[in-house]
PDB file of N, CA and C in Angstrom:
ATOM      1  N   MET A   1     -12.012  25.424   5.575  1.00  0.00           N
ATOM      2  CA  MET A   1     -10.488  25.653   5.830  1.00  0.00           C
ATOM      3  C   MET A   1      -9.705  26.130   4.617  1.00  0.00           C
ATOM      4  N   TRP A   2     -10.355  25.541   3.347  1.00  0.00           N
ATOM      5  CA  TRP A   2      -9.718  26.024   2.238  1.00  0.00           C
ATOM      6  C   TRP A   2      -9.625  27.499   2.027  1.00  0.00           C
ATOM      7  N   GLY A   3     -10.791  28.278   2.157  1.00  0.00           N
ATOM      8  CA  GLY A   3     -10.837  29.649   2.173  1.00  0.00           C
ATOM      9  C   GLY A   3      -9.987  30.426   3.143  1.00  0.00           C
ATOM     10  N   MET A   4      -9.821  29.794   4.345  1.00  0.00           N
ATOM     11  CA  MET A   4      -8.858  30.675   5.203  1.00  0.00           C
ATOM     12  C   MET A   4      -7.294  30.238   4.955  1.00  0.00           C
ATOM     13  N   ALA A   5      -6.905  29.075   4.661  1.00  0.00           N
ATOM     14  CA  ALA A   5      -5.825  28.683   4.276  1.00  0.00           C
ATOM     15  C   ALA A   5      -5.355  29.423   2.946  1.00  0.00           C
ATOM     16  N   ALA A   6      -6.079  29.746   1.816  1.00  0.00           N
ATOM     17  CA  ALA A   6      -5.796  30.362   0.573  1.00  0.00           C
ATOM     18  C   ALA A   6      -5.115  31.655   0.999  1.00  0.00           C
ATOM     19  N   ARG A   7      -5.486  32.319   1.991  1.00  0.00           N
ATOM     20  CA  ARG A   7      -5.185  33.782   2.339  1.00  0.00           C
ATOM     21  C   ARG A   7      -3.684  33.814   3.060  1.00  0.00           C
ATOM     22  N   LEU A   8      -3.194  32.575   3.222  1.00  0.00           N
ATOM     23  CA  LEU A   8      -1.924  32.608   4.065  1.00  0.00           C
ATOM     24  C   LEU A   8      -0.642  32.721   3.296  1.00  0.00           C
ATOM     25  N   THR A   9       0.285  33.456   3.873  1.00  0.00           N
ATOM     26  CA  THR A   9       1.535  33.651   3.008  1.00  0.00           C
ATOM     27  C   THR A   9       2.228  32.369   3.155  1.00  0.00           C
ATOM     28  N   ASP A  10       3.428  32.129   2.479  1.00  0.00           N
ATOM     29  CA  ASP A  10       4.158  30.912   2.743  1.00  0.00           C
ATOM     30  C   ASP A  10       4.946  31.059   4.084  1.00  0.00           C
ATOM     31  N   GLU A  11       5.464  32.500   4.379  1.00  0.00           N
ATOM     32  CA  GLU A  11       5.926  32.719   5.646  1.00  0.00           C
ATOM     33  C   GLU A  11       5.092  32.318   6.764  1.00  0.00           C
ATOM     34  N   ARG A  12       3.819  32.514   6.932  1.00  0.00           N
ATOM     35  CA  ARG A  12       2.886  32.429   7.813  1.00  0.00           C
ATOM     36  C   ARG A  12       2.620  30.792   7.922  1.00  0.00           C
ATOM     37  N   ILE A  13       2.519  30.207   6.643  1.00  0.00           N
ATOM     38  CA  ILE A  13       2.340  28.541   6.772  1.00  0.00           C
ATOM     39  C   ILE A  13       3.317  28.038   7.476  1.00  0.00           C
ATOM     40  N   LEU A  14       4.760  28.494   7.310  1.00  0.00           N
ATOM     41  CA  LEU A  14       5.784  27.935   7.911  1.00  0.00           C
ATOM     42  C   LEU A  14       5.766  28.387   9.323  1.00  0.00           C
ATOM     43  N   GLU A  15       5.327  29.393   9.856  1.00  0.00           N
ATOM     44  CA  GLU A  15       5.077  29.774  11.254  1.00  0.00           C
ATOM     45  C   GLU A  15       4.234  28.741  11.682  1.00  0.00           C
ATOM     46  N   ILE A  16       3.048  28.644  11.202  1.00  0.00           N
ATOM     47  CA  ILE A  16       2.079  27.593  11.796  1.00  0.00           C
ATOM     48  C   ILE A  16       2.305  26.210  11.941  1.00  0.00           C
ATOM     49  N   ALA A  17       3.275  25.832  10.862  1.00  0.00           N
ATOM     50  CA  ALA A  17       3.894  24.459  10.877  1.00  0.00           C
ATOM     51  C   ALA A  17       4.732  24.388  12.044  1.00  0.00           C
ATOM     52  N   ALA A  18       5.545  25.280  12.243  1.00  0.00           N
ATOM     53  CA  ALA A  18       6.489  25.307  13.300  1.00  0.00           C
ATOM     54  C   ALA A  18       5.745  25.093  14.824  1.00  0.00           C
ATOM     55  N   TYR A  19       4.821  25.770  14.898  1.00  0.00           N
ATOM     56  CA  TYR A  19       3.938  26.052  15.985  1.00  0.00           C
ATOM     57  C   TYR A  19       3.326  24.504  16.367  1.00  0.00           C
ATOM     58  N   TYR A  20       2.899  23.972  15.463  1.00  0.00           N
ATOM     59  CA  TYR A  20       2.280  22.702  15.706  1.00  0.00           C
ATOM     60  C   TYR A  20       3.107  21.564  15.790  1.00  0.00           C
ATOM     61  N   ALA A  21       4.331  21.568  15.123  1.00  0.00           N
ATOM     62  CA  ALA A  21       5.480  20.660  15.243  1.00  0.00           C
ATOM     63  C   ALA A  21       6.253  20.678  16.616  1.00  0.00           C
ATOM     64  N   SER A  22       6.007  21.921  17.185  1.00  0.00           N
ATOM     65  CA  SER A  22       6.537  21.966  18.685  1.00  0.00           C
ATOM     66  C   SER A  22       5.557  21.326  19.798  1.00  0.00           C
ATOM     67  N   GLN A  23       4.366  21.284  19.401  1.00  0.00           N
ATOM     68  CA  GLN A  23       3.420  20.590  20.370  1.00  0.00           C
ATOM     69  C   GLN A  23       3.987  19.370  20.815  1.00  0.00           C
ATOM     70  N   PRO A  24       3.829  19.017  22.133  1.00  0.00           N
ATOM     71  CA  PRO A  24       4.080  17.646  22.553  1.00  0.00           C
ATOM     72  C   PRO A  24       3.007  16.727  22.127  1.00  0.00           C
ATOM     73  N   PRO A  25       3.381  15.403  21.910  1.00  0.00           N
ATOM     74  CA  PRO A  25       2.529  14.443  21.210  1.00  0.00           C
ATOM     75  C   PRO A  25       1.484  14.300  22.367  1.00  0.00           C
ATOM     76  N   PRO A  26       0.181  13.632  21.828  1.00  0.00           N
ATOM     77  CA  PRO A  26      -0.865  13.605  22.800  1.00  0.00           C
ATOM     78  C   PRO A  26      -0.520  12.224  23.537  1.00  0.00           C
ATOM     79  N   VAL A  27      -1.129  12.180  24.889  1.00  0.00           N
ATOM     80  CA  VAL A  27      -0.936  11.213  25.767  1.00  0.00           C
ATOM     81  C   VAL A  27      -2.123  10.302  25.486  1.00  0.00           C
ATOM     82  N   GLY A  28      -1.877   8.905  25.268  1.00  0.00           N
ATOM     83  CA  GLY A  28      -2.911   7.893  25.112  1.00  0.00           C
ATOM     84  C   GLY A  28      -3.854   7.905  26.177  1.00  0.00           C
ATOM     85  N   LYS A  29      -5.137   7.293  25.974  1.00  0.00           N
ATOM     86  CA  LYS A  29      -6.226   7.046  26.756  1.00  0.00           C
ATOM     87  C   LYS A  29      -6.372   5.790  27.217  1.00  0.00           C
ATOM     88  N   PRO A  30      -6.651   5.223  28.449  1.00  0.00           N
ATOM     89  CA  PRO A  30      -6.590   3.795  28.766  1.00  0.00           C
ATOM     90  C   PRO A  30      -7.921   3.246  27.980  1.00  0.00           C
ATOM     91  N   ALA A  31      -7.758   2.066  27.518  1.00  0.00           N
ATOM     92  CA  ALA A  31      -8.890   1.298  26.838  1.00  0.00           C
ATOM     93  C   ALA A  31      -8.998  -0.038  27.251  1.00  0.00           C
ATOM     94  N   GLU A  32     -10.159  -0.597  26.734  1.00  0.00           N
ATOM     95  CA  GLU A  32     -10.335  -1.988  27.377  1.00  0.00           C
ATOM     96  C   GLU A  32      -9.360  -2.824  26.965  1.00  0.00           C
ATOM     97  N   ARG A  33      -8.642  -3.643  27.848  1.00  0.00           N
ATOM     98  CA  ARG A  33      -7.455  -4.324  27.830  1.00  0.00           C
ATOM     99  C   ARG A  33      -7.487  -5.367  26.703  1.00  0.00           C
ATOM    100  N   PRO A  34      -8.406  -6.288  26.531  1.00  0.00           N
ATOM    101  CA  PRO A  34      -8.587  -7.245  25.502  1.00  0.00           C
ATOM    102  C   PRO A  34      -8.233  -6.665  24.057  1.00  0.00           C
ATOM    103  N   SER A  35      -8.959  -5.680  23.811  1.00  0.00           N
ATOM    104  CA  SER A  35      -9.061  -4.900  22.617  1.00  0.00           C
ATOM    105  C   SER A  35      -7.711  -4.415  22.194  1.00  0.00           C
ATOM    106  N   VAL A  36      -6.973  -3.712  23.328  1.00  0.00           N
ATOM    107  CA  VAL A  36      -5.594  -3.168  23.165  1.00  0.00           C
ATOM    108  C   VAL A  36      -4.536  -4.279  22.964  1.00  0.00           C
ATOM    109  N   ALA A  37      -4.717  -5.177  23.591  1.00  0.00           N
ATOM    110  CA  ALA A  37      -3.752  -6.462  23.252  1.00  0.00           C
ATOM    111  C   ALA A  37      -4.060  -7.017  21.933  1.00  0.00           C
ATOM    112  N   ALA A  38      -5.072  -7.080  21.551  1.00  0.00           N
ATOM    113  CA  ALA A  38      -5.250  -7.655  20.237  1.00  0.00           C
ATOM    114  C   ALA A  38      -4.917  -6.677  19.066  1.00  0.00           C
ATOM    115  N   GLY A  39      -5.036  -5.274  19.522  1.00  0.00           N
ATOM    116  CA  GLY A  39      -4.655  -4.214  18.531  1.00  0.00           C
ATOM    117  C   GLY A  39      -3.202  -4.238  18.493  1.00  0.00           C
ATOM    118  N   GLU A  40      -2.571  -4.288  19.402  1.00  0.00           N
ATOM    119  CA  GLU A  40      -0.982  -4.346  19.669  1.00  0.00           C
ATOM    120  C   GLU A  40      -0.500  -5.512  18.856  1.00  0.00           C
ATOM    121  N   LYS A  41      -1.054  -6.675  18.971  1.00  0.00           N
ATOM    122  CA  LYS A  41      -0.441  -7.836  18.188  1.00  0.00           C
ATOM    123  C   LYS A  41      -0.794  -7.492  16.642  1.00  0.00           C
ATOM    124  N   ILE A  42      -1.649  -6.968  16.265  1.00  0.00           N
ATOM    125  CA  ILE A  42      -1.878  -6.507  14.784  1.00  0.00           C
ATOM    126  C   ILE A  42      -0.659  -5.566  14.376  1.00  0.00           C
ATOM    127  N   PHE A  43      -0.633  -4.582  15.187  1.00  0.00           N
ATOM    128  CA  PHE A  43       0.185  -3.583  15.080  1.00  0.00           C
ATOM    129  C   PHE A  43       1.720  -4.022  14.838  1.00  0.00           C
ATOM    130  N   THR A  44       2.126  -5.177  15.622  1.00  0.00           N
ATOM    131  CA  THR A  44       3.540  -5.468  15.976  1.00  0.00           C
ATOM    132  C   THR A  44       3.701  -6.559  14.901  1.00  0.00           C
ATOM    133  N   GLU A  45       2.826  -7.585  14.778  1.00  0.00           N
ATOM    134  CA  GLU A  45       2.946  -8.730  13.791  1.00  0.00           C
ATOM    135  C   GLU A  45       2.382  -8.859  12.719  1.00  0.00           C
ATOM    136  N   GLY A  46       1.060  -8.018  12.425  1.00  0.00           N
ATOM    137  CA  GLY A  46       0.342  -8.075  11.341  1.00  0.00           C
ATOM    138  C   GLY A  46      -0.455  -9.605  11.410  1.00  0.00           C
ATOM    139  N   ILE A  47      -1.136  -9.717  10.254  1.00  0.00           N
ATOM    140  CA  ILE A  47      -1.795 -11.070  10.170  1.00  0.00           C
ATOM    141  C   ILE A  47      -1.646 -11.628   9.047  1.00  0.00           C
ATOM    142  N   GLU A  48      -0.487 -12.576   8.908  1.00  0.00           N
ATOM    143  CA  GLU A  48      -0.005 -13.181   7.645  1.00  0.00           C
ATOM    144  C   GLU A  48      -1.140 -13.832   6.807  1.00  0.00           C
ATOM    145  N   ALA A  49      -2.191 -14.470   7.562  1.00  0.00           N
ATOM    146  CA  ALA A  49      -3.082 -15.285   6.920  1.00  0.00           C
ATOM    147  C   ALA A  49      -4.185 -14.155   6.178  1.00  0.00           C
ATOM    148  N   GLN A  50      -4.268 -13.021   6.599  1.00  0.00           N
ATOM    149  CA  GLN A  50      -5.071 -12.128   5.924  1.00  0.00           C
ATOM    150  C   GLN A  50      -4.201 -11.009   4.916  1.00  0.00           C
ATOM    151  N   GLN A  51      -3.010 -11.344   4.834  1.00  0.00           N
ATOM    152  CA  GLN A  51      -1.968 -10.594   4.067  1.00  0.00           C
ATOM    153  C   GLN A  51      -2.019  -9.182   4.603  1.00  0.00           C
ATOM    154  N   ILE A  52      -1.852  -8.931   6.008  1.00  0.00           N
ATOM    155  CA  ILE A  52      -1.871  -7.653   6.766  1.00  0.00           C
ATOM    156  C   ILE A  52      -0.423  -7.573   7.371  1.00  0.00           C
ATOM    157  N   VAL A  53       0.443  -6.624   6.808  1.00  0.00           N
ATOM    158  CA  VAL A  53       1.739  -6.423   7.274  1.00  0.00           C
ATOM    159  C   VAL A  53       1.573  -5.615   8.604  1.00  0.00           C
ATOM    160  N   PRO A  54       2.789  -5.724   9.462  1.00  0.00           N
ATOM    161  CA  PRO A  54       2.765  -5.169  10.731  1.00  0.00           C
ATOM    162  C   PRO A  54       2.831  -3.603  10.566  1.00  0.00           C
ATOM    163  N   CYS A  55       2.090  -2.807  11.099  1.00  0.00           N
ATOM    164  CA  CYS A  55       1.932  -1.485  11.115  1.00  0.00           C
ATOM    165  C   CYS A  55       3.109  -0.678  11.467  1.00  0.00           C
ATOM    166  N   GLN A  56       3.813  -1.497  12.339  1.00  0.00           N
ATOM    167  CA  GLN A  56       5.222  -0.776  12.978  1.00  0.00           C
ATOM    168  C   GLN A  56       6.311  -0.720  12.009  1.00  0.00           C
ATOM    169  N   GLY A  57       6.126  -1.394  10.889  1.00  0.00           N
ATOM    170  CA  GLY A  57       6.961  -1.345   9.797  1.00  0.00           C
ATOM    171  C   GLY A  57       7.255  -0.029   9.350  1.00  0.00           C
ATOM    172  N   CYS A  58       6.114   0.626   9.204  1.00  0.00           N
ATOM    173  CA  CYS A  58       6.194   1.972   8.398  1.00  0.00           C
ATOM    174  C   CYS A  58       5.992   3.181   9.622  1.00  0.00           C
ATOM    175  N   HIS A  59       5.200   2.737  10.668  1.00  0.00           N
ATOM    176  CA  HIS A  59       4.886   3.921  11.771  1.00  0.00           C
ATOM    177  C   HIS A  59       5.812   3.825  13.011  1.00  0.00           C
ATOM    178  N   GLY A  60       6.714   3.000  12.748  1.00  0.00           N
ATOM    179  CA  GLY A  60       7.657   2.899  13.923  1.00  0.00           C
ATOM    180  C   GLY A  60       7.113   2.056  15.131  1.00  0.00           C
ATOM    181  N   ALA A  61       8.063   1.374  15.825  1.00  0.00           N
ATOM    182  CA  ALA A  61       7.870   0.546  16.753  1.00  0.00           C
ATOM    183  C   ALA A  61       6.781   1.163  17.851  1.00  0.00           C
ATOM    184  N   GLU A  62       7.053   2.376  18.228  1.00  0.00           N
ATOM    185  CA  GLU A  62       6.292   2.941  19.294  1.00  0.00           C
ATOM    186  C   GLU A  62       5.058   3.950  18.564  1.00  0.00           C
ATOM    187  N   ALA A  63       4.713   3.569  17.241  1.00  0.00           N
ATOM    188  CA  ALA A  63       3.730   4.346  16.708  1.00  0.00           C
ATOM    189  C   ALA A  63       3.868   5.937  16.738  1.00  0.00           C
ATOM    190  N   ALA A  64       5.149   6.285  16.830  1.00  0.00           N
ATOM    191  CA  ALA A  64       5.273   7.697  16.863  1.00  0.00           C
ATOM    192  C   ALA A  64       5.729   8.410  15.602  1.00  0.00           C
ATOM    193  N   GLY A  65       5.540   7.606  14.416  1.00  0.00           N
ATOM    194  CA  GLY A  65       5.635   8.187  13.202  1.00  0.00           C
ATOM    195  C   GLY A  65       7.131   7.680  12.668  1.00  0.00           C
ATOM    196  N   ASN A  66       7.324   8.194  11.421  1.00  0.00           N
ATOM    197  CA  ASN A  66       8.586   7.594  10.685  1.00  0.00           C
ATOM    198  C   ASN A  66       8.816   8.372   9.532  1.00  0.00           C
ATOM    199  N   GLY A  67       9.519   9.486   9.474  1.00  0.00           N
ATOM    200  CA  GLY A  67       9.516  10.190   8.073  1.00  0.00           C
ATOM    201  C   GLY A  67       8.327  10.700   7.673  1.00  0.00           C
ATOM    202  N   PRO A  68       7.792  10.301   6.432  1.00  0.00           N
ATOM    203  CA  PRO A  68       6.646  10.656   6.033  1.00  0.00           C
ATOM    204  C   PRO A  68       5.378   9.839   6.499  1.00  0.00           C
ATOM    205  N   PHE A  69       5.530   8.765   7.395  1.00  0.00           N
ATOM    206  CA  PHE A  69       4.554   8.104   7.938  1.00  0.00           C
ATOM    207  C   PHE A  69       4.223   8.837   9.296  1.00  0.00           C
ATOM    208  N   PRO A  70       2.924   9.051   9.305  1.00  0.00           N
ATOM    209  CA  PRO A  70       2.502   9.899  10.560  1.00  0.00           C
ATOM    210  C   PRO A  70       2.497   9.168  11.865  1.00  0.00           C
ATOM    211  N   ARG A  71       2.493  10.179  12.878  1.00  0.00           N
ATOM    212  CA  ARG A  71       2.300   9.445  14.434  1.00  0.00           C
ATOM    213  C   ARG A  71       0.900   8.815  14.598  1.00  0.00           C
ATOM    214  N   LEU A  72       0.708   7.816  14.886  1.00  0.00           N
ATOM    215  CA  LEU A  72      -0.556   7.157  15.382  1.00  0.00           C
ATOM    216  C   LEU A  72      -0.993   7.149  16.693  1.00  0.00           C
ATOM    217  N   ALA A  73       0.083   7.299  17.489  1.00  0.00           N
ATOM    218  CA  ALA A  73      -0.020   6.753  19.008  1.00  0.00           C
ATOM    219  C   ALA A  73      -0.743   8.105  19.653  1.00  0.00           C
ATOM    220  N   GLY A  74      -1.700   7.820  20.352  1.00  0.00           N
ATOM    221  CA  GLY A  74      -2.399   8.773  21.169  1.00  0.00           C
ATOM    222  C   GLY A  74      -3.432   9.519  20.337  1.00  0.00           C
ATOM    223  N   GLN A  75      -3.609   9.258  18.957  1.00  0.00           N
ATOM    224  CA  GLN A  75      -4.771   9.972  18.166  1.00  0.00           C
ATOM    225  C   GLN A  75      -6.237   9.279  18.779  1.00  0.00           C
ATOM    226  N   HIS A  76      -7.238  10.098  18.477  1.00  0.00           N
ATOM    227  CA  HIS A  76      -8.347   9.883  19.132  1.00  0.00           C
ATOM    228  C   HIS A  76      -9.048   8.526  18.225  1.00  0.00           C
ATOM    229  N   SER A  77      -9.501   7.395  18.973  1.00  0.00           N
ATOM    230  CA  SER A  77      -9.831   6.217  18.586  1.00  0.00           C
ATOM    231  C   SER A  77     -10.811   6.450  17.232  1.00  0.00           C
ATOM    232  N   ARG A  78     -12.012   7.289  17.397  1.00  0.00           N
ATOM    233  CA  ARG A  78     -12.938   7.317  16.377  1.00  0.00           C
ATOM    234  C   ARG A  78     -12.168   7.741  15.182  1.00  0.00           C
ATOM    235  N   TYR A  79     -11.321   8.790  15.225  1.00  0.00           N
ATOM    236  CA  TYR A  79     -10.609   9.158  14.111  1.00  0.00           C
ATOM    237  C   TYR A  79      -9.877   8.174  13.383  1.00  0.00           C
ATOM    238  N   LEU A  80      -9.200   7.455  14.056  1.00  0.00           N
ATOM    239  CA  LEU A  80      -8.077   6.294  13.519  1.00  0.00           C
ATOM    240  C   LEU A  80      -9.178   5.184  12.874  1.00  0.00           C
ATOM    241  N   LYS A  81     -10.112   4.927  13.592  1.00  0.00           N
ATOM    242  CA  LYS A  81     -11.158   4.077  12.899  1.00  0.00           C
ATOM    243  C   LYS A  81     -11.838   4.555  11.578  1.00  0.00           C
ATOM    244  N   LYS A  82     -12.272   5.767  11.803  1.00  0.00           N
ATOM    245  CA  LYS A  82     -12.592   6.389  10.297  1.00  0.00           C
ATOM    246  C   LYS A  82     -11.650   6.534   9.330  1.00  0.00           C
ATOM    247  N   GLN A  83     -10.278   6.595   9.533  1.00  0.00           N
ATOM    248  CA  GLN A  83      -9.373   6.749   8.619  1.00  0.00           C
ATOM    249  C   GLN A  83      -9.236   5.462   8.011  1.00  0.00           C
ATOM    250  N   MET A  84      -9.032   4.465   8.802  1.00  0.00           N
ATOM    251  CA  MET A  84      -8.786   2.904   8.450  1.00  0.00           C
ATOM    252  C   MET A  84      -9.904   2.644   7.515  1.00  0.00           C
ATOM    253  N   GLU A  85     -11.197   2.997   7.838  1.00  0.00           N
ATOM    254  CA  GLU A  85     -12.056   2.424   7.211  1.00  0.00           C
ATOM    255  C   GLU A  85     -12.308   3.225   5.756  1.00  0.00           C
ATOM    256  N   ALA A  86     -11.863   4.239   5.617  1.00  0.00           N
ATOM    257  CA  ALA A  86     -11.640   5.127   4.383  1.00  0.00           C
ATOM    258  C   ALA A  86     -10.663   4.594   3.591  1.00  0.00           C
ATOM    259  N   TYR A  87      -9.345   4.201   4.154  1.00  0.00           N
ATOM    260  CA  TYR A  87      -8.269   3.375   3.469  1.00  0.00           C
ATOM    261  C   TYR A  87      -8.797   2.210   2.862  1.00  0.00           C
ATOM    262  N   ALA A  88      -9.588   1.397   3.724  1.00  0.00           N
ATOM    263  CA  ALA A  88     -10.034   0.019   3.307  1.00  0.00           C
ATOM    264  C   ALA A  88     -10.802  -0.053   1.953  1.00  0.00           C
ATOM    265  N   VAL A  89     -11.644   0.984   1.786  1.00  0.00           N
ATOM    266  CA  VAL A  89     -12.388   1.059   0.587  1.00  0.00           C
ATOM    267  C   VAL A  89     -12.131   2.059  -0.500  1.00  0.00           C
ATOM    268  N   ASN A  90     -10.599   2.620  -0.418  1.00  0.00           N
ATOM    269  CA  ASN A  90     -10.221   3.468  -1.106  1.00  0.00           C
ATOM    270  C   ASN A  90     -11.003   4.997  -1.206  1.00  0.00           C
ATOM    271  N   LEU A  91     -11.684   5.111  -0.055  1.00  0.00           N
ATOM    272  CA  LEU A  91     -12.250   6.595  -0.072  1.00  0.00           C
ATOM    273  C   LEU A  91     -11.075   7.829   0.258  1.00  0.00           C
ATOM    274  N   ARG A  92     -10.173   7.291   0.857  1.00  0.00           N
ATOM    275  CA  ARG A  92      -8.913   8.161   1.114  1.00  0.00           C
ATOM    276  C   ARG A  92      -7.717   7.353   0.255  1.00  0.00           C
ATOM    277  N   ALA A  93      -7.193   8.072  -0.740  1.00  0.00           N
ATOM    278  CA  ALA A  93      -6.434   7.397  -1.610  1.00  0.00           C
ATOM    279  C   ALA A  93      -4.983   7.345  -1.254  1.00  0.00           C
ATOM    280  N   ASN A  94      -4.529   6.184  -1.010  1.00  0.00           N
ATOM    281  CA  ASN A  94      -3.083   5.773  -0.713  1.00  0.00           C
ATOM    282  C   ASN A  94      -3.009   4.299  -0.617  1.00  0.00           C
ATOM    283  N   GLU A  95      -2.144   3.885  -1.842  1.00  0.00           N
ATOM    284  CA  GLU A  95      -2.294   2.514  -2.329  1.00  0.00           C
ATOM    285  C   GLU A  95      -1.541   1.738  -1.072  1.00  0.00           C
ATOM    286  N   ILE A  96      -0.597   2.135  -0.436  1.00  0.00           N
ATOM    287  CA  ILE A  96       0.010   1.341   0.676  1.00  0.00           C
ATOM    288  C   ILE A  96      -0.986   1.240   1.917  1.00  0.00           C
ATOM    289  N   MET A  97      -1.618   2.155   2.419  1.00  0.00           N
ATOM    290  CA  MET A  97      -2.754   2.148   3.410  1.00  0.00           C
ATOM    291  C   MET A  97      -3.805   1.267   2.783  1.00  0.00           C
ATOM    292  N   HIS A  98      -4.230   1.190   1.571  1.00  0.00           N
ATOM    293  CA  HIS A  98      -5.451   0.588   0.988  1.00  0.00           C
ATOM    294  C   HIS A  98      -5.206  -0.956   1.179  1.00  0.00           C
ATOM    295  N   GLN A  99      -3.852  -1.254   0.777  1.00  0.00           N
ATOM    296  CA  GLN A  99      -3.495  -2.681   0.827  1.00  0.00           C
ATOM    297  C   GLN A  99      -3.306  -3.045   2.268  1.00  0.00           C
ATOM    298  N   SER A 100      -2.898  -2.138   3.252  1.00  0.00           N
ATOM    299  CA  SER A 100      -2.761  -2.485   4.722  1.00  0.00           C
ATOM    300  C   SER A 100      -4.155  -2.646   5.208  1.00  0.00           C
ATOM    301  N   ALA A 101      -5.005  -2.084   4.880  1.00  0.00           N
ATOM    302  CA  ALA A 101      -6.641  -2.048   5.506  1.00  0.00           C
ATOM    303  C   ALA A 101      -7.685  -2.761   4.920  1.00  0.00           C
ATOM    304  N   LYS A 102      -7.203  -3.007   3.507  1.00  0.00           N
ATOM    305  CA  LYS A 102      -8.659  -3.555   2.973  1.00  0.00           C
ATOM    306  C   LYS A 102      -8.970  -5.116   3.504  1.00  0.00           C
ATOM    307  N   ASN A 103      -8.191  -5.832   3.985  1.00  0.00           N
ATOM    308  CA  ASN A 103      -8.472  -7.029   4.556  1.00  0.00           C
ATOM    309  C   ASN A 103      -8.657  -7.047   6.138  1.00  0.00           C
ATOM    310  N   LEU A 104      -8.681  -6.027   6.534  1.00  0.00           N
ATOM    311  CA  LEU A 104      -9.042  -5.696   8.159  1.00  0.00           C
ATOM    312  C   LEU A 104     -10.412  -5.989   8.286  1.00  0.00           C
ATOM    313  N   THR A 105     -10.938  -6.499   9.371  1.00  0.00           N
ATOM    314  CA  THR A 105     -12.337  -6.799   9.712  1.00  0.00           C
ATOM    315  C   THR A 105     -12.760  -5.353  10.443  1.00  0.00           C
ATOM    316  N   ASP A 106     -13.881  -5.231  10.745  1.00  0.00           N
ATOM    317  CA  ASP A 106     -14.608  -4.112  11.482  1.00  0.00           C
ATOM    318  C   ASP A 106     -14.034  -4.301  12.792  1.00  0.00           C
ATOM    319  N   LEU A 107     -13.895  -5.267  13.630  1.00  0.00           N
ATOM    320  CA  LEU A 107     -13.498  -5.650  14.846  1.00  0.00           C
ATOM    321  C   LEU A 107     -11.742  -5.439  14.875  1.00  0.00           C
ATOM    322  N   GLN A 108     -11.007  -5.860  13.966  1.00  0.00           N
ATOM    323  CA  GLN A 108      -9.758  -5.670  13.830  1.00  0.00           C
ATOM    324  C   GLN A 108      -9.423  -4.113  13.931  1.00  0.00           C
ATOM    325  N   ILE A 109      -9.922  -3.476  13.123  1.00  0.00           N
ATOM    326  CA  ILE A 109     -10.005  -1.850  12.745  1.00  0.00           C
ATOM    327  C   ILE A 109     -10.224  -1.253  14.239  1.00  0.00           C
ATOM    328  N   ALA A 110     -11.378  -1.792  14.896  1.00  0.00           N
ATOM    329  CA  ALA A 110     -11.572  -1.228  16.318  1.00  0.00           C
ATOM    330  C   ALA A 110     -10.360  -1.650  17.367  1.00  0.00           C
ATOM    331  N   GLN A 111      -9.855  -2.863  17.082  1.00  0.00           N
ATOM    332  CA  GLN A 111      -8.824  -3.343  17.963  1.00  0.00           C
ATOM    333  C   GLN A 111      -7.540  -2.466  17.736  1.00  0.00           C
ATOM    334  N   LEU A 112      -7.255  -2.253  16.752  1.00  0.00           N
ATOM    335  CA  LEU A 112      -6.210  -1.433  16.250  1.00  0.00           C
ATOM    336  C   LEU A 112      -6.303   0.009  16.743  1.00  0.00           C
ATOM    337  N   ALA A 113      -7.421   0.731  16.544  1.00  0.00           N
ATOM    338  CA  ALA A 113      -7.558   1.982  17.203  1.00  0.00           C
ATOM    339  C   ALA A 113      -7.739   2.065  18.525  1.00  0.00           C
ATOM    340  N   ALA A 114      -8.184   1.088  19.217  1.00  0.00           N
ATOM    341  CA  ALA A 114      -8.024   0.959  20.664  1.00  0.00           C
ATOM    342  C   ALA A 114      -6.525   1.069  21.160  1.00  0.00           C
ATOM    343  N   TYR A 115      -5.552   0.029  20.587  1.00  0.00           N
ATOM    344  CA  TYR A 115      -4.426   0.123  20.873  1.00  0.00           C
ATOM    345  C   TYR A 115      -3.594   1.480  20.692  1.00  0.00           C
ATOM    346  N   LEU A 116      -3.874   2.025  19.405  1.00  0.00           N
ATOM    347  CA  LEU A 116      -3.095   3.231  19.195  1.00  0.00           C
ATOM    348  C   LEU A 116      -3.627   4.247  19.954  1.00  0.00           C
ATOM    349  N   SER A 117      -4.885   4.471  20.345  1.00  0.00           N
ATOM    350  CA  SER A 117      -5.436   5.529  21.039  1.00  0.00           C
ATOM    351  C   SER A 117      -4.893   5.534  22.480  1.00  0.00           C
ATOM    352  N   SER A 118      -4.400   4.092  22.918  1.00  0.00           N
ATOM    353  CA  SER A 118      -3.955   3.937  24.507  1.00  0.00           C
ATOM    354  C   SER A 118      -2.443   4.303  24.469  1.00  0.00           C
ATOM    355  N   ARG A 119      -1.829   4.582  23.462  1.00  0.00           N
ATOM    356  CA  ARG A 119      -0.427   4.716  23.290  1.00  0.00           C
ATOM    357  C   ARG A 119       0.104   6.284  23.879  1.00  0.00           C
TER     358      ARG A 119
END
């Protein structure tokens, strides 16, 4: 991607960004109900005992994104899991997300991903 993007003009980049911004958000896919319910609870309430804050505080109540915080609703479950795992061990550098993900268990990450992908 780097080689292709390096050839783009600023004007073309703005056109491409406008195109993607105009696309409708993805529609969530049904998931296993117990996982979705557990993930929703983590998203909306956090887990105080594990020092995990509610995700909706930054990503919005509907997980639709909030300013610089991206939309999570409707994203692919595997993608969400991979990103949360990367944040948890600092493979993806973002201190806020590292602090949010580092205390999540593998099961909790899977539950969050199931909830978010179902939105």
